[in-house]
Amino acid sequence: MLLRWVFAAMASNPKIKDMSQVSADQAKSLSVNAAGLMQRLMLTDCHRQTVEAIKYEGAGAIQQAFGTLGQIAMADLMREDASNAYMSDLTNHLDKPQWEALMAEAGVKAPAQK
């Protein structure tokens, strides 16, 4: 659910909005569900830990915790084979000799090509 909410948030960005279609109803439902998850985690499941985090680290601890959850959701997204294959395809479109020259200039041997 969190992964879907993160995706909807990203899809609302005007720079990429044309690449996906998340309806207003879907977006609202995802936000309602994400809020329910957040409340359950912080007010019930991890209540004591939430109180301690706020007490010792300030209210920003909540924002930091959900930033970490967002990172976990993105990592989960990238663990999928199809996502990894898409990301890996980027290297097929790079100018390898220019990258090798850059690495050599920095004094680093470029990794061997597969």
PDB file of N, CA and C in Angstrom:
ATOM      1  N   MET A   1       0.826  -1.185   0.000  1.00  0.00           N
ATOM      2  CA  MET A   1       0.000   0.000   0.000  1.00  0.00           C
ATOM      3  C   MET A   1       0.869   1.247   0.000  1.00  0.00           C
ATOM      4  N   LEU A   2       1.912   1.222   0.820  1.00  0.00           N
ATOM      5  CA  LEU A   2       2.792   2.383   0.889  1.00  0.00           C
ATOM      6  C   LEU A   2       3.483   2.623  -0.449  1.00  0.00           C
ATOM      7  N   LEU A   3       3.884   1.563  -1.110  1.00  0.00           N
ATOM      8  CA  LEU A   3       4.521   1.683  -2.423  1.00  0.00           C
ATOM      9  C   LEU A   3       3.580   2.344  -3.412  1.00  0.00           C
ATOM     10  N   ARG A   4       2.331   1.969  -3.394  1.00  0.00           N
ATOM     11  CA  ARG A   4       1.348   2.565  -4.301  1.00  0.00           C
ATOM     12  C   ARG A   4       1.137   4.044  -3.973  1.00  0.00           C
ATOM     13  N   TRP A   5       1.135   4.395  -2.690  1.00  0.00           N
ATOM     14  CA  TRP A   5       0.969   5.788  -2.287  1.00  0.00           C
ATOM     15  C   TRP A   5       2.162   6.622  -2.748  1.00  0.00           C
ATOM     16  N   VAL A   6       3.382   6.085  -2.574  1.00  0.00           N
ATOM     17  CA  VAL A   6       4.586   6.796  -3.026  1.00  0.00           C
ATOM     18  C   VAL A   6       4.527   7.002  -4.537  1.00  0.00           C
ATOM     19  N   PHE A   7       4.110   5.966  -5.266  1.00  0.00           N
ATOM     20  CA  PHE A   7       4.002   6.106  -6.718  1.00  0.00           C
ATOM     21  C   PHE A   7       3.009   7.203  -7.093  1.00  0.00           C
ATOM     22  N   ALA A   8       1.853   7.222  -6.443  1.00  0.00           N
ATOM     23  CA  ALA A   8       0.846   8.241  -6.734  1.00  0.00           C
ATOM     24  C   ALA A   8       1.377   9.635  -6.434  1.00  0.00           C
ATOM     25  N   ALA A   9       2.143   9.757  -5.357  1.00  0.00           N
ATOM     26  CA  ALA A   9       2.737  11.052  -5.021  1.00  0.00           C
ATOM     27  C   ALA A   9       3.721  11.481  -6.118  1.00  0.00           C
ATOM     28  N   MET A  10       4.534  10.542  -6.569  1.00  0.00           N
ATOM     29  CA  MET A  10       5.481  10.855  -7.643  1.00  0.00           C
ATOM     30  C   MET A  10       4.729  11.200  -8.929  1.00  0.00           C
ATOM     31  N   ALA A  11       3.681  10.457  -9.227  1.00  0.00           N
ATOM     32  CA  ALA A  11       2.924  10.671 -10.459  1.00  0.00           C
ATOM     33  C   ALA A  11       2.203  12.018 -10.467  1.00  0.00           C
ATOM     34  N   SER A  12       2.013  12.619  -9.310  1.00  0.00           N
ATOM     35  CA  SER A  12       1.353  13.928  -9.258  1.00  0.00           C
ATOM     36  C   SER A  12       2.298  15.071  -9.636  1.00  0.00           C
ATOM     37  N   ASN A  13       3.599  14.767  -9.742  1.00  0.00           N
ATOM     38  CA  ASN A  13       4.579  15.783 -10.115  1.00  0.00           C
ATOM     39  C   ASN A  13       4.324  16.228 -11.554  1.00  0.00           C
ATOM     40  N   PRO A  14       4.133  17.537 -11.782  1.00  0.00           N
ATOM     41  CA  PRO A  14       3.833  18.016 -13.139  1.00  0.00           C
ATOM     42  C   PRO A  14       4.877  17.622 -14.184  1.00  0.00           C
ATOM     43  N   LYS A  15       6.102  17.385 -13.763  1.00  0.00           N
ATOM     44  CA  LYS A  15       7.149  17.033 -14.721  1.00  0.00           C
ATOM     45  C   LYS A  15       6.971  15.632 -15.301  1.00  0.00           C
ATOM     46  N   ILE A  16       6.243  14.758 -14.597  1.00  0.00           N
ATOM     47  CA  ILE A  16       6.057  13.389 -15.086  1.00  0.00           C
ATOM     48  C   ILE A  16       4.592  12.965 -15.116  1.00  0.00           C
ATOM     49  N   LYS A  17       3.708  13.865 -14.803  1.00  0.00           N
ATOM     50  CA  LYS A  17       2.285  13.523 -14.694  1.00  0.00           C
ATOM     51  C   LYS A  17       1.730  12.920 -15.981  1.00  0.00           C
ATOM     52  N   ASP A  18       2.277  13.315 -17.126  1.00  0.00           N
ATOM     53  CA  ASP A  18       1.785  12.809 -18.405  1.00  0.00           C
ATOM     54  C   ASP A  18       2.131  11.330 -18.630  1.00  0.00           C
ATOM     55  N   MET A  19       2.979  10.759 -17.784  1.00  0.00           N
ATOM     56  CA  MET A  19       3.424   9.380 -17.970  1.00  0.00           C
ATOM     57  C   MET A  19       2.568   8.365 -17.218  1.00  0.00           C
ATOM     58  N   SER A  20       1.663   8.817 -16.400  1.00  0.00           N
ATOM     59  CA  SER A  20       0.812   7.889 -15.661  1.00  0.00           C
ATOM     60  C   SER A  20      -0.526   8.545 -15.390  1.00  0.00           C
ATOM     61  N   GLN A  21      -1.481   7.729 -15.062  1.00  0.00           N
ATOM     62  CA  GLN A  21      -2.809   8.240 -14.767  1.00  0.00           C
ATOM     63  C   GLN A  21      -3.286   7.674 -13.433  1.00  0.00           C
ATOM     64  N   VAL A  22      -3.242   8.512 -12.422  1.00  0.00           N
ATOM     65  CA  VAL A  22      -3.795   8.165 -11.122  1.00  0.00           C
ATOM     66  C   VAL A  22      -5.009   9.064 -10.955  1.00  0.00           C
ATOM     67  N   SER A  23      -6.174   8.458 -10.921  1.00  0.00           N
ATOM     68  CA  SER A  23      -7.398   9.258 -10.828  1.00  0.00           C
ATOM     69  C   SER A  23      -7.470   9.966  -9.480  1.00  0.00           C
ATOM     70  N   ALA A  24      -8.292  10.990  -9.420  1.00  0.00           N
ATOM     71  CA  ALA A  24      -8.486  11.724  -8.159  1.00  0.00           C
ATOM     72  C   ALA A  24      -9.034  10.778  -7.084  1.00  0.00           C
ATOM     73  N   ASP A  25      -9.931   9.888  -7.474  1.00  0.00           N
ATOM     74  CA  ASP A  25     -10.487   8.932  -6.510  1.00  0.00           C
ATOM     75  C   ASP A  25      -9.412   7.968  -6.002  1.00  0.00           C
ATOM     76  N   GLN A  26      -8.559   7.479  -6.917  1.00  0.00           N
ATOM     77  CA  GLN A  26      -7.468   6.593  -6.504  1.00  0.00           C
ATOM     78  C   GLN A  26      -6.518   7.323  -5.563  1.00  0.00           C
ATOM     79  N   ALA A  27      -6.152   8.555  -5.925  1.00  0.00           N
ATOM     80  CA  ALA A  27      -5.218   9.334  -5.108  1.00  0.00           C
ATOM     81  C   ALA A  27      -5.790   9.552  -3.707  1.00  0.00           C
ATOM     82  N   LYS A  28      -7.069   9.887  -3.634  1.00  0.00           N
ATOM     83  CA  LYS A  28      -7.684  10.118  -2.319  1.00  0.00           C
ATOM     84  C   LYS A  28      -7.716   8.831  -1.510  1.00  0.00           C
ATOM     85  N   SER A  29      -8.092   7.731  -2.140  1.00  0.00           N
ATOM     86  CA  SER A  29      -8.140   6.452  -1.449  1.00  0.00           C
ATOM     87  C   SER A  29      -6.756   6.053  -0.933  1.00  0.00           C
ATOM     88  N   LEU A  30      -5.743   6.255  -1.748  1.00  0.00           N
ATOM     89  CA  LEU A  30      -4.380   5.934  -1.329  1.00  0.00           C
ATOM     90  C   LEU A  30      -3.950   6.795  -0.141  1.00  0.00           C
ATOM     91  N   SER A  31      -4.305   8.087  -0.174  1.00  0.00           N
ATOM     92  CA  SER A  31      -3.951   8.973   0.938  1.00  0.00           C
ATOM     93  C   SER A  31      -4.668   8.569   2.222  1.00  0.00           C
ATOM     94  N   VAL A  32      -5.943   8.209   2.091  1.00  0.00           N
ATOM     95  CA  VAL A  32      -6.704   7.767   3.265  1.00  0.00           C
ATOM     96  C   VAL A  32      -6.059   6.509   3.847  1.00  0.00           C
ATOM     97  N   ASN A  33      -5.709   5.560   2.975  1.00  0.00           N
ATOM     98  CA  ASN A  33      -5.091   4.320   3.447  1.00  0.00           C
ATOM     99  C   ASN A  33      -3.705   4.558   4.044  1.00  0.00           C
ATOM    100  N   ALA A  34      -2.925   5.444   3.443  1.00  0.00           N
ATOM    101  CA  ALA A  34      -1.596   5.755   3.973  1.00  0.00           C
ATOM    102  C   ALA A  34      -1.711   6.425   5.341  1.00  0.00           C
ATOM    103  N   ALA A  35      -2.684   7.323   5.478  1.00  0.00           N
ATOM    104  CA  ALA A  35      -2.903   7.977   6.773  1.00  0.00           C
ATOM    105  C   ALA A  35      -3.314   6.944   7.827  1.00  0.00           C
ATOM    106  N   GLY A  36      -4.160   6.002   7.435  1.00  0.00           N
ATOM    107  CA  GLY A  36      -4.565   4.942   8.366  1.00  0.00           C
ATOM    108  C   GLY A  36      -3.379   4.095   8.796  1.00  0.00           C
ATOM    109  N   LEU A  37      -2.505   3.768   7.835  1.00  0.00           N
ATOM    110  CA  LEU A  37      -1.307   3.000   8.165  1.00  0.00           C
ATOM    111  C   LEU A  37      -0.409   3.784   9.109  1.00  0.00           C
ATOM    112  N   MET A  38      -0.203   5.057   8.798  1.00  0.00           N
ATOM    113  CA  MET A  38       0.651   5.908   9.638  1.00  0.00           C
ATOM    114  C   MET A  38       0.108   5.970  11.064  1.00  0.00           C
ATOM    115  N   GLN A  39      -1.187   6.193  11.175  1.00  0.00           N
ATOM    116  CA  GLN A  39      -1.786   6.280  12.511  1.00  0.00           C
ATOM    117  C   GLN A  39      -1.691   4.959  13.258  1.00  0.00           C
ATOM    118  N   ARG A  40      -1.973   3.856  12.565  1.00  0.00           N
ATOM    119  CA  ARG A  40      -1.887   2.552  13.231  1.00  0.00           C
ATOM    120  C   ARG A  40      -0.479   2.294  13.728  1.00  0.00           C
ATOM    121  N   LEU A  41       0.514   2.566  12.877  1.00  0.00           N
ATOM    122  CA  LEU A  41       1.898   2.319  13.273  1.00  0.00           C
ATOM    123  C   LEU A  41       2.322   3.184  14.453  1.00  0.00           C
ATOM    124  N   MET A  42       2.006   4.472  14.380  1.00  0.00           N
ATOM    125  CA  MET A  42       2.523   5.402  15.388  1.00  0.00           C
ATOM    126  C   MET A  42       1.671   5.503  16.633  1.00  0.00           C
ATOM    127  N   LEU A  43       0.374   5.343  16.490  1.00  0.00           N
ATOM    128  CA  LEU A  43      -0.508   5.506  17.641  1.00  0.00           C
ATOM    129  C   LEU A  43      -0.828   4.190  18.341  1.00  0.00           C
ATOM    130  N   THR A  44      -0.627   3.072  17.660  1.00  0.00           N
ATOM    131  CA  THR A  44      -0.980   1.773  18.244  1.00  0.00           C
ATOM    132  C   THR A  44       0.228   0.842  18.282  1.00  0.00           C
ATOM    133  N   ASP A  45       0.643   0.352  17.111  1.00  0.00           N
ATOM    134  CA  ASP A  45       1.679  -0.685  17.051  1.00  0.00           C
ATOM    135  C   ASP A  45       3.005  -0.242  17.670  1.00  0.00           C
ATOM    136  N   CYS A  46       3.404   0.984  17.409  1.00  0.00           N
ATOM    137  CA  CYS A  46       4.714   1.479  17.881  1.00  0.00           C
ATOM    138  C   CYS A  46       4.542   2.719  18.763  1.00  0.00           C
ATOM    139  N   HIS A  47       3.470   2.733  19.536  1.00  0.00           N
ATOM    140  CA  HIS A  47       3.144   3.905  20.360  1.00  0.00           C
ATOM    141  C   HIS A  47       4.298   4.309  21.293  1.00  0.00           C
ATOM    142  N   ARG A  48       4.792   3.353  22.051  1.00  0.00           N
ATOM    143  CA  ARG A  48       5.871   3.659  23.002  1.00  0.00           C
ATOM    144  C   ARG A  48       7.100   4.195  22.284  1.00  0.00           C
ATOM    145  N   GLN A  49       7.477   3.556  21.191  1.00  0.00           N
ATOM    146  CA  GLN A  49       8.661   3.992  20.442  1.00  0.00           C
ATOM    147  C   GLN A  49       8.448   5.381  19.847  1.00  0.00           C
ATOM    148  N   THR A  50       7.213   5.666  19.420  1.00  0.00           N
ATOM    149  CA  THR A  50       6.912   6.987  18.860  1.00  0.00           C
ATOM    150  C   THR A  50       7.049   8.063  19.930  1.00  0.00           C
ATOM    151  N   VAL A  51       6.501   7.803  21.116  1.00  0.00           N
ATOM    152  CA  VAL A  51       6.604   8.766  22.219  1.00  0.00           C
ATOM    153  C   VAL A  51       8.072   9.018  22.554  1.00  0.00           C
ATOM    154  N   GLU A  52       8.858   7.947  22.648  1.00  0.00           N
ATOM    155  CA  GLU A  52      10.280   8.105  22.976  1.00  0.00           C
ATOM    156  C   GLU A  52      11.032   8.865  21.886  1.00  0.00           C
ATOM    157  N   ALA A  53      10.737   8.579  20.637  1.00  0.00           N
ATOM    158  CA  ALA A  53      11.408   9.276  19.541  1.00  0.00           C
ATOM    159  C   ALA A  53      11.102  10.770  19.583  1.00  0.00           C
ATOM    160  N   ILE A  54       9.838  11.108  19.800  1.00  0.00           N
ATOM    161  CA  ILE A  54       9.466  12.527  19.869  1.00  0.00           C
ATOM    162  C   ILE A  54      10.096  13.184  21.090  1.00  0.00           C
ATOM    163  N   LYS A  55      10.073  12.478  22.221  1.00  0.00           N
ATOM    164  CA  LYS A  55      10.624  13.027  23.462  1.00  0.00           C
ATOM    165  C   LYS A  55      12.110  13.337  23.325  1.00  0.00           C
ATOM    166  N   TYR A  56      12.866  12.418  22.712  1.00  0.00           N
ATOM    167  CA  TYR A  56      14.321  12.570  22.676  1.00  0.00           C
ATOM    168  C   TYR A  56      14.869  13.175  21.385  1.00  0.00           C
ATOM    169  N   GLU A  57      14.074  13.113  20.308  1.00  0.00           N
ATOM    170  CA  GLU A  57      14.571  13.620  19.033  1.00  0.00           C
ATOM    171  C   GLU A  57      13.734  14.753  18.472  1.00  0.00           C
ATOM    172  N   GLY A  58      12.615  15.067  19.105  1.00  0.00           N
ATOM    173  CA  GLY A  58      11.751  16.144  18.640  1.00  0.00           C
ATOM    174  C   GLY A  58      10.723  15.647  17.632  1.00  0.00           C
ATOM    175  N   ALA A  59       9.798  16.544  17.278  1.00  0.00           N
ATOM    176  CA  ALA A  59       8.703  16.185  16.377  1.00  0.00           C
ATOM    177  C   ALA A  59       9.215  15.796  14.992  1.00  0.00           C
ATOM    178  N   GLY A  60      10.396  16.243  14.631  1.00  0.00           N
ATOM    179  CA  GLY A  60      10.976  15.874  13.342  1.00  0.00           C
ATOM    180  C   GLY A  60      11.236  14.391  13.206  1.00  0.00           C
ATOM    181  N   ALA A  61      11.222  13.678  14.314  1.00  0.00           N
ATOM    182  CA  ALA A  61      11.435  12.225  14.272  1.00  0.00           C
ATOM    183  C   ALA A  61      10.343  11.538  13.467  1.00  0.00           C
ATOM    184  N   ILE A  62       9.134  12.077  13.500  1.00  0.00           N
ATOM    185  CA  ILE A  62       8.037  11.493  12.729  1.00  0.00           C
ATOM    186  C   ILE A  62       8.311  11.640  11.238  1.00  0.00           C
ATOM    187  N   GLN A  63       8.696  12.837  10.837  1.00  0.00           N
ATOM    188  CA  GLN A  63       9.006  13.081   9.423  1.00  0.00           C
ATOM    189  C   GLN A  63      10.164  12.190   8.977  1.00  0.00           C
ATOM    190  N   GLN A  64      11.165  12.076   9.806  1.00  0.00           N
ATOM    191  CA  GLN A  64      12.320  11.242   9.472  1.00  0.00           C
ATOM    192  C   GLN A  64      11.903   9.776   9.340  1.00  0.00           C
ATOM    193  N   ALA A  65      11.046   9.309  10.225  1.00  0.00           N
ATOM    194  CA  ALA A  65      10.599   7.916  10.177  1.00  0.00           C
ATOM    195  C   ALA A  65       9.854   7.630   8.880  1.00  0.00           C
ATOM    196  N   PHE A  66       8.999   8.539   8.465  1.00  0.00           N
ATOM    197  CA  PHE A  66       8.259   8.299   7.232  1.00  0.00           C
ATOM    198  C   PHE A  66       9.112   8.545   5.997  1.00  0.00           C
ATOM    199  N   GLY A  67      10.140   9.349   6.119  1.00  0.00           N
ATOM    200  CA  GLY A  67      11.116   9.452   5.032  1.00  0.00           C
ATOM    201  C   GLY A  67      11.808   8.114   4.826  1.00  0.00           C
ATOM    202  N   THR A  68      12.128   7.456   5.937  1.00  0.00           N
ATOM    203  CA  THR A  68      12.752   6.130   5.865  1.00  0.00           C
ATOM    204  C   THR A  68      11.789   5.122   5.262  1.00  0.00           C
ATOM    205  N   LEU A  69      10.511   5.176   5.637  1.00  0.00           N
ATOM    206  CA  LEU A  69       9.531   4.271   5.046  1.00  0.00           C
ATOM    207  C   LEU A  69       9.417   4.494   3.542  1.00  0.00           C
ATOM    208  N   GLY A  70       9.486   5.748   3.118  1.00  0.00           N
ATOM    209  CA  GLY A  70       9.466   6.048   1.686  1.00  0.00           C
ATOM    210  C   GLY A  70      10.660   5.443   0.976  1.00  0.00           C
ATOM    211  N   GLN A  71      11.825   5.517   1.604  1.00  0.00           N
ATOM    212  CA  GLN A  71      13.030   4.914   1.021  1.00  0.00           C
ATOM    213  C   GLN A  71      12.887   3.400   0.923  1.00  0.00           C
ATOM    214  N   ILE A  72      12.287   2.805   1.936  1.00  0.00           N
ATOM    215  CA  ILE A  72      12.067   1.361   1.918  1.00  0.00           C
ATOM    216  C   ILE A  72      11.109   0.998   0.783  1.00  0.00           C
ATOM    217  N   ALA A  73      10.070   1.810   0.594  1.00  0.00           N
ATOM    218  CA  ALA A  73       9.117   1.548  -0.486  1.00  0.00           C
ATOM    219  C   ALA A  73       9.818   1.633  -1.843  1.00  0.00           C
ATOM    220  N   MET A  74      10.681   2.616  -2.017  1.00  0.00           N
ATOM    221  CA  MET A  74      11.422   2.746  -3.280  1.00  0.00           C
ATOM    222  C   MET A  74      12.359   1.562  -3.472  1.00  0.00           C
ATOM    223  N   ALA A  75      13.008   1.130  -2.415  1.00  0.00           N
ATOM    224  CA  ALA A  75      13.899  -0.032  -2.509  1.00  0.00           C
ATOM    225  C   ALA A  75      13.105  -1.266  -2.888  1.00  0.00           C
ATOM    226  N   ASP A  76      11.907  -1.403  -2.338  1.00  0.00           N
ATOM    227  CA  ASP A  76      11.044  -2.530  -2.663  1.00  0.00           C
ATOM    228  C   ASP A  76      10.666  -2.499  -4.142  1.00  0.00           C
ATOM    229  N   LEU A  77      10.370  -1.320  -4.628  1.00  0.00           N
ATOM    230  CA  LEU A  77      10.048  -1.151  -6.045  1.00  0.00           C
ATOM    231  C   LEU A  77      11.204  -1.608  -6.922  1.00  0.00           C
ATOM    232  N   MET A  78      12.413  -1.237  -6.542  1.00  0.00           N
ATOM    233  CA  MET A  78      13.582  -1.536  -7.359  1.00  0.00           C
ATOM    234  C   MET A  78      14.042  -2.988  -7.227  1.00  0.00           C
ATOM    235  N   ARG A  79      13.510  -3.738  -6.266  1.00  0.00           N
ATOM    236  CA  ARG A  79      13.867  -5.153  -6.119  1.00  0.00           C
ATOM    237  C   ARG A  79      13.195  -6.026  -7.174  1.00  0.00           C
ATOM    238  N   GLU A  80      12.180  -5.515  -7.818  1.00  0.00           N
ATOM    239  CA  GLU A  80      11.472  -6.279  -8.840  1.00  0.00           C
ATOM    240  C   GLU A  80      12.358  -6.452 -10.073  1.00  0.00           C
ATOM    241  N   ASP A  81      12.342  -7.651 -10.632  1.00  0.00           N
ATOM    242  CA  ASP A  81      13.182  -7.953 -11.790  1.00  0.00           C
ATOM    243  C   ASP A  81      12.926  -7.008 -12.962  1.00  0.00           C
ATOM    244  N   ALA A  82      11.665  -6.710 -13.238  1.00  0.00           N
ATOM    245  CA  ALA A  82      11.342  -5.840 -14.367  1.00  0.00           C
ATOM    246  C   ALA A  82      11.904  -4.435 -14.154  1.00  0.00           C
ATOM    247  N   SER A  83      11.826  -3.923 -12.941  1.00  0.00           N
ATOM    248  CA  SER A  83      12.374  -2.596 -12.648  1.00  0.00           C
ATOM    249  C   SER A  83      13.890  -2.601 -12.772  1.00  0.00           C
ATOM    250  N   ASN A  84      14.515  -3.646 -12.237  1.00  0.00           N
ATOM    251  CA  ASN A  84      15.972  -3.759 -12.350  1.00  0.00           C
ATOM    252  C   ASN A  84      16.417  -3.852 -13.798  1.00  0.00           C
ATOM    253  N   ALA A  85      15.698  -4.624 -14.600  1.00  0.00           N
ATOM    254  CA  ALA A  85      16.057  -4.768 -16.007  1.00  0.00           C
ATOM    255  C   ALA A  85      15.941  -3.430 -16.723  1.00  0.00           C
ATOM    256  N   TYR A  86      14.890  -2.685 -16.415  1.00  0.00           N
ATOM    257  CA  TYR A  86      14.723  -1.369 -17.040  1.00  0.00           C
ATOM    258  C   TYR A  86      15.856  -0.430 -16.649  1.00  0.00           C
ATOM    259  N   MET A  87      16.186  -0.395 -15.367  1.00  0.00           N
ATOM    260  CA  MET A  87      17.265   0.476 -14.903  1.00  0.00           C
ATOM    261  C   MET A  87      18.612   0.060 -15.499  1.00  0.00           C
ATOM    262  N   SER A  88      18.850  -1.247 -15.585  1.00  0.00           N
ATOM    263  CA  SER A  88      20.111  -1.749 -16.128  1.00  0.00           C
ATOM    264  C   SER A  88      20.262  -1.431 -17.602  1.00  0.00           C
ATOM    265  N   ASP A  89      19.155  -1.327 -18.314  1.00  0.00           N
ATOM    266  CA  ASP A  89      19.204  -1.027 -19.742  1.00  0.00           C
ATOM    267  C   ASP A  89      19.849   0.327 -20.021  1.00  0.00           C
ATOM    268  N   LEU A  90      19.858   1.207 -19.041  1.00  0.00           N
ATOM    269  CA  LEU A  90      20.476   2.521 -19.207  1.00  0.00           C
ATOM    270  C   LEU A  90      21.918   2.397 -19.684  1.00  0.00           C
ATOM    271  N   THR A  91      22.635   1.420 -19.155  1.00  0.00           N
ATOM    272  CA  THR A  91      24.049   1.279 -19.516  1.00  0.00           C
ATOM    273  C   THR A  91      24.238   0.935 -20.989  1.00  0.00           C
ATOM    274  N   ASN A  92      23.216   0.355 -21.617  1.00  0.00           N
ATOM    275  CA  ASN A  92      23.306   0.042 -23.044  1.00  0.00           C
ATOM    276  C   ASN A  92      23.288   1.293 -23.918  1.00  0.00           C
ATOM    277  N   HIS A  93      22.956   2.416 -23.343  1.00  0.00           N
ATOM    278  CA  HIS A  93      22.829   3.657 -24.103  1.00  0.00           C
ATOM    279  C   HIS A  93      23.907   4.675 -23.750  1.00  0.00           C
ATOM    280  N   LEU A  94      24.883   4.272 -22.964  1.00  0.00           N
ATOM    281  CA  LEU A  94      25.978   5.161 -22.578  1.00  0.00           C
ATOM    282  C   LEU A  94      27.120   5.068 -23.582  1.00  0.00           C
ATOM    283  N   ASP A  95      27.853   6.151 -23.702  1.00  0.00           N
ATOM    284  CA  ASP A  95      29.054   6.173 -24.546  1.00  0.00           C
ATOM    285  C   ASP A  95      30.195   5.606 -23.707  1.00  0.00           C
ATOM    286  N   LYS A  96      30.404   4.295 -23.819  1.00  0.00           N
ATOM    287  CA  LYS A  96      31.368   3.603 -22.961  1.00  0.00           C
ATOM    288  C   LYS A  96      32.787   4.159 -23.080  1.00  0.00           C
ATOM    289  N   PRO A  97      33.298   4.466 -24.296  1.00  0.00           N
ATOM    290  CA  PRO A  97      34.652   5.034 -24.380  1.00  0.00           C
ATOM    291  C   PRO A  97      34.794   6.361 -23.613  1.00  0.00           C
ATOM    292  N   GLN A  98      33.763   7.191 -23.637  1.00  0.00           N
ATOM    293  CA  GLN A  98      33.838   8.451 -22.880  1.00  0.00           C
ATOM    294  C   GLN A  98      33.861   8.184 -21.382  1.00  0.00           C
ATOM    295  N   TRP A  99      33.093   7.218 -20.925  1.00  0.00           N
ATOM    296  CA  TRP A  99      33.093   6.879 -19.501  1.00  0.00           C
ATOM    297  C   TRP A  99      34.435   6.277 -19.078  1.00  0.00           C
ATOM    298  N   GLU A 100      34.990   5.447 -19.931  1.00  0.00           N
ATOM    299  CA  GLU A 100      36.305   4.864 -19.639  1.00  0.00           C
ATOM    300  C   GLU A 100      37.362   5.961 -19.565  1.00  0.00           C
ATOM    301  N   ALA A 101      37.290   6.948 -20.472  1.00  0.00           N
ATOM    302  CA  ALA A 101      38.235   8.063 -20.452  1.00  0.00           C
ATOM    303  C   ALA A 101      38.087   8.873 -19.168  1.00  0.00           C
ATOM    304  N   LEU A 102      36.843   9.095 -18.743  1.00  0.00           N
ATOM    305  CA  LEU A 102      36.597   9.834 -17.495  1.00  0.00           C
ATOM    306  C   LEU A 102      37.202   9.104 -16.314  1.00  0.00           C
ATOM    307  N   MET A 103      36.983   7.785 -16.243  1.00  0.00           N
ATOM    308  CA  MET A 103      37.529   6.989 -15.152  1.00  0.00           C
ATOM    309  C   MET A 103      39.061   7.018 -15.183  1.00  0.00           C
ATOM    310  N   ALA A 104      39.646   6.898 -16.375  1.00  0.00           N
ATOM    311  CA  ALA A 104      41.110   6.924 -16.504  1.00  0.00           C
ATOM    312  C   ALA A 104      41.655   8.268 -16.034  1.00  0.00           C
ATOM    313  N   GLU A 105      40.973   9.348 -16.390  1.00  0.00           N
ATOM    314  CA  GLU A 105      41.398  10.687 -15.954  1.00  0.00           C
ATOM    315  C   GLU A 105      41.375  10.801 -14.438  1.00  0.00           C
ATOM    316  N   ALA A 106      40.432  10.105 -13.816  1.00  0.00           N
ATOM    317  CA  ALA A 106      40.323  10.129 -12.351  1.00  0.00           C
ATOM    318  C   ALA A 106      41.264   9.122 -11.706  1.00  0.00           C
ATOM    319  N   GLY A 107      41.987   8.359 -12.538  1.00  0.00           N
ATOM    320  CA  GLY A 107      42.940   7.390 -12.000  1.00  0.00           C
ATOM    321  C   GLY A 107      42.311   6.096 -11.555  1.00  0.00           C
ATOM    322  N   VAL A 108      41.133   5.785 -12.087  1.00  0.00           N
ATOM    323  CA  VAL A 108      40.432   4.572 -11.718  1.00  0.00           C
ATOM    324  C   VAL A 108      40.244   3.719 -12.970  1.00  0.00           C
ATOM    325  N   LYS A 109      40.554   2.457 -12.853  1.00  0.00           N
ATOM    326  CA  LYS A 109      40.362   1.558 -13.980  1.00  0.00           C
ATOM    327  C   LYS A 109      38.864   1.230 -14.099  1.00  0.00           C
ATOM    328  N   ALA A 110      38.354   1.382 -15.287  1.00  0.00           N
ATOM    329  CA  ALA A 110      36.933   1.093 -15.508  1.00  0.00           C
ATOM    330  C   ALA A 110      36.675  -0.390 -15.294  1.00  0.00           C
ATOM    331  N   PRO A 111      35.523  -0.743 -14.756  1.00  0.00           N
ATOM    332  CA  PRO A 111      35.218  -2.170 -14.557  1.00  0.00           C
ATOM    333  C   PRO A 111      35.161  -2.889 -15.909  1.00  0.00           C
ATOM    334  N   ALA A 112      35.501  -4.166 -15.895  1.00  0.00           N
ATOM    335  CA  ALA A 112      35.470  -4.961 -17.118  1.00  0.00           C
ATOM    336  C   ALA A 112      34.033  -5.051 -17.632  1.00  0.00           C
ATOM    337  N   GLN A 113      33.900  -4.994 -18.926  1.00  0.00           N
ATOM    338  CA  GLN A 113      32.587  -5.114 -19.559  1.00  0.00           C
ATOM    339  C   GLN A 113      32.163  -6.558 -19.617  1.00  0.00           C
ATOM    340  N   LYS A 114      30.875  -6.791 -19.490  1.00  0.00           N
ATOM    341  CA  LYS A 114      30.334  -8.155 -19.550  1.00  0.00           C
ATOM    342  C   LYS A 114      30.257  -8.608 -20.982  1.00  0.00           C
TER     343      LYS A 114
END
